[in-house]
C-alpha atoms as a PDB file:
ATOM      1  CA  MET A   1     -51.103  13.758 -54.382  1.00  0.00           C
ATOM      2  CA  PRO A   2     -51.782  16.278 -51.626  1.00  0.00           C
ATOM      3  CA  ASN A   3     -49.329  16.899 -48.678  1.00  0.00           C
ATOM      4  CA  TYR A   4     -50.824  16.796 -45.323  1.00  0.00           C
ATOM      5  CA  LYS A   5     -50.242  19.263 -42.566  1.00  0.00           C
ATOM      6  CA  VAL A   6     -48.778  17.352 -39.409  1.00  0.00           C
ATOM      7  CA  VAL A   7     -49.871  18.691 -36.039  1.00  0.00           C
ATOM      8  CA  VAL A   8     -48.319  17.227 -32.862  1.00  0.00           C
ATOM      9  CA  SER A   9     -50.366  17.775 -29.833  1.00  0.00           C
ATOM     10  CA  ASP A  10     -48.958  19.171 -26.538  1.00  0.00           C
ATOM     11  CA  ARG A  11     -49.564  15.876 -24.814  1.00  0.00           C
ATOM     12  CA  ALA A  12     -47.741  14.008 -27.584  1.00  0.00           C
ATOM     13  CA  ARG A  13     -44.831  16.271 -27.384  1.00  0.00           C
ATOM     14  CA  GLN A  14     -44.841  15.800 -23.619  1.00  0.00           C
ATOM     15  CA  MET A  15     -44.838  12.147 -24.028  1.00  0.00           C
ATOM     16  CA  LEU A  16     -42.033  12.313 -26.505  1.00  0.00           C
ATOM     17  CA  ALA A  17     -39.789  14.518 -24.143  1.00  0.00           C
ATOM     18  CA  GLY A  18     -40.601  12.071 -21.310  1.00  0.00           C
ATOM     19  CA  ASN A  19     -39.649   9.000 -23.240  1.00  0.00           C
ATOM     20  CA  ILE A  20     -36.464  10.557 -24.561  1.00  0.00           C
ATOM     21  CA  ARG A  21     -35.486  11.827 -21.132  1.00  0.00           C
ATOM     22  CA  PHE A  22     -35.886   8.455 -19.771  1.00  0.00           C
ATOM     23  CA  LEU A  23     -33.860   6.706 -22.409  1.00  0.00           C
ATOM     24  CA  ALA A  24     -31.122   9.447 -22.007  1.00  0.00           C
ATOM     25  CA  GLN A  25     -30.600   8.222 -18.414  1.00  0.00           C
ATOM     26  CA  VAL A  26     -29.450   4.969 -19.875  1.00  0.00           C
ATOM     27  CA  SER A  27     -27.795   5.899 -23.132  1.00  0.00           C
ATOM     28  CA  PRO A  28     -27.751   9.555 -24.314  1.00  0.00           C
ATOM     29  CA  VAL A  29     -26.563   8.168 -27.800  1.00  0.00           C
ATOM     30  CA  ALA A  30     -29.603   5.856 -27.966  1.00  0.00           C
ATOM     31  CA  ALA A  31     -31.838   8.729 -26.732  1.00  0.00           C
ATOM     32  CA  LEU A  32     -30.713  11.041 -29.673  1.00  0.00           C
ATOM     33  CA  LYS A  33     -31.149   8.103 -32.184  1.00  0.00           C
ATOM     34  CA  ALA A  34     -34.760   7.474 -30.818  1.00  0.00           C
ATOM     35  CA  LYS A  35     -35.580  11.293 -31.033  1.00  0.00           C
ATOM     36  CA  ASN A  36     -34.319  11.571 -34.491  1.00  0.00           C
ATOM     37  CA  GLU A  37     -36.173   8.304 -35.632  1.00  0.00           C
ATOM     38  CA  LEU A  38     -39.378   9.458 -34.102  1.00  0.00           C
ATOM     39  CA  SER A  39     -39.225  12.847 -35.478  1.00  0.00           C
ATOM     40  CA  GLY A  40     -38.691  11.666 -39.007  1.00  0.00           C
ATOM     41  CA  ALA A  41     -41.383   9.225 -38.761  1.00  0.00           C
ATOM     42  CA  ILE A  42     -43.779  11.957 -37.597  1.00  0.00           C
ATOM     43  CA  ARG A  43     -42.562  14.233 -40.404  1.00  0.00           C
ATOM     44  CA  SER A  44     -43.161  11.350 -42.916  1.00  0.00           C
ATOM     45  CA  LEU A  45     -46.917  11.518 -42.192  1.00  0.00           C
ATOM     46  CA  CYS A  46     -47.143  14.420 -44.357  1.00  0.00           C
ATOM     47  CA  GLU A  47     -47.064  11.992 -47.410  1.00  0.00           C
ATOM     48  CA  VAL A  48     -49.666   9.089 -47.451  1.00  0.00           C
ATOM     49  CA  PRO A  49     -50.513   8.870 -43.791  1.00  0.00           C
ATOM     50  CA  GLU A  50     -53.205   6.405 -44.738  1.00  0.00           C
ATOM     51  CA  ARG A  51     -50.429   3.767 -45.227  1.00  0.00           C
ATOM     52  CA  PHE A  52     -50.691   2.571 -41.471  1.00  0.00           C
ATOM     53  CA  PRO A  53     -53.695   0.732 -40.155  1.00  0.00           C
ATOM     54  CA  PHE A  54     -56.054   1.710 -37.764  1.00  0.00           C
ATOM     55  CA  LEU A  55     -55.804   0.829 -34.105  1.00  0.00           C
ATOM     56  CA  ASP A  56     -58.086  -2.035 -33.133  1.00  0.00           C
ATOM     57  CA  SER A  57     -59.206  -1.740 -29.481  1.00  0.00           C
ATOM     58  CA  GLU A  58     -62.339  -2.586 -27.529  1.00  0.00           C
ATOM     59  CA  PHE A  59     -62.403   0.799 -25.915  1.00  0.00           C
ATOM     60  CA  ILE A  60     -61.465   3.372 -28.630  1.00  0.00           C
ATOM     61  CA  PRO A  61     -63.887   3.797 -31.516  1.00  0.00           C
ATOM     62  CA  SER A  62     -63.113   1.932 -34.572  1.00  0.00           C
ATOM     63  CA  ASN A  63     -61.368   3.823 -37.468  1.00  0.00           C
ATOM     64  CA  LYS A  64     -60.367   6.614 -35.081  1.00  0.00           C
ATOM     65  CA  TYR A  65     -56.667   6.350 -34.640  1.00  0.00           C
ATOM     66  CA  HIS A  66     -53.913   5.082 -37.156  1.00  0.00           C
ATOM     67  CA  ARG A  67     -51.106   3.421 -35.503  1.00  0.00           C
ATOM     68  CA  MET A  68     -47.397   3.516 -36.552  1.00  0.00           C
ATOM     69  CA  TYR A  69     -44.709   1.628 -34.918  1.00  0.00           C
ATOM     70  CA  VAL A  70     -41.193   3.212 -34.706  1.00  0.00           C
ATOM     71  CA  GLU A  71     -37.998   1.588 -33.569  1.00  0.00           C
ATOM     72  CA  LYS A  72     -39.784  -1.609 -32.290  1.00  0.00           C
ATOM     73  CA  TRP A  73     -40.706   0.262 -29.071  1.00  0.00           C
ATOM     74  CA  TYR A  74     -42.688   3.240 -29.823  1.00  0.00           C
ATOM     75  CA  LEU A  75     -46.310   3.645 -30.922  1.00  0.00           C
ATOM     76  CA  ILE A  76     -47.579   6.737 -32.431  1.00  0.00           C
ATOM     77  CA  LEU A  77     -51.318   7.208 -32.714  1.00  0.00           C
ATOM     78  CA  TYR A  78     -52.839   9.873 -35.067  1.00  0.00           C
ATOM     79  CA  GLN A  79     -55.972  10.911 -36.754  1.00  0.00           C
ATOM     80  CA  ILE A  80     -56.546  12.177 -40.196  1.00  0.00           C
ATOM     81  CA  LYS A  81     -59.049  15.023 -40.610  1.00  0.00           C
ATOM     82  CA  ASP A  82     -59.299  16.482 -44.227  1.00  0.00           C
ATOM     83  CA  LEU A  83     -55.615  17.396 -45.052  1.00  0.00           C
ATOM     84  CA  THR A  84     -54.094  17.443 -41.590  1.00  0.00           C
ATOM     85  CA  VAL A  85     -52.767  14.775 -39.496  1.00  0.00           C
ATOM     86  CA  TYR A  86     -53.129  15.084 -35.704  1.00  0.00           C
ATOM     87  CA  VAL A  87     -50.545  13.261 -33.672  1.00  0.00           C
ATOM     88  CA  ASP A  88     -52.144  12.594 -30.220  1.00  0.00           C
ATOM     89  CA  TYR A  89     -50.101  10.007 -28.499  1.00  0.00           C
ATOM     90  CA  ILE A  90     -46.338   8.763 -28.630  1.00  0.00           C
ATOM     91  CA  VAL A  91     -46.255   5.795 -26.285  1.00  0.00           C
ATOM     92  CA  ASP A  92     -43.154   3.635 -25.242  1.00  0.00           C
ATOM     93  CA  CYS A  93     -44.469   0.159 -25.456  1.00  0.00           C
ATOM     94  CA  ARG A  94     -42.185  -0.964 -22.675  1.00  0.00           C
ATOM     95  CA  GLN A  95     -43.985   0.952 -20.189  1.00  0.00           C
ATOM     96  CA  ASP A  96     -47.650   0.268 -19.094  1.00  0.00           C
ATOM     97  CA  TYR A  97     -49.951   2.176 -21.283  1.00  0.00           C
ATOM     98  CA  ARG A  98     -53.284   0.229 -20.665  1.00  0.00           C
ATOM     99  CA  TRP A  99     -54.337   3.560 -19.012  1.00  0.00           C
ATOM    100  CA  MET A 100     -54.820   4.860 -22.532  1.00  0.00           C
ATOM    101  CA  ILE A 101     -57.308   2.221 -23.683  1.00  0.00           C
ATOM    102  CA  LEU A 102     -59.358   1.564 -20.567  1.00  0.00           C
END
């Protein structure tokens, strides 16, 4: 079984940093925990990234993005091309993210 290379886009890194900064204002401990959980989840995509389903959305081409939920609140959207996983979005589902699918 091949291992995949995981590439996190600059946009996804910025989204992650923004989410963690926002959470740190309320609880630094919770922010650190969320950062560790998200980082671990992203690293886990190097093995069997197909295990998560595709995102079904009217405005996004079908079978383009896989979706992975982390810690109840976070949605990671990624694509698989050959042996590379491209993480494109890390969304805090408590915030309005309709802009992404419209």
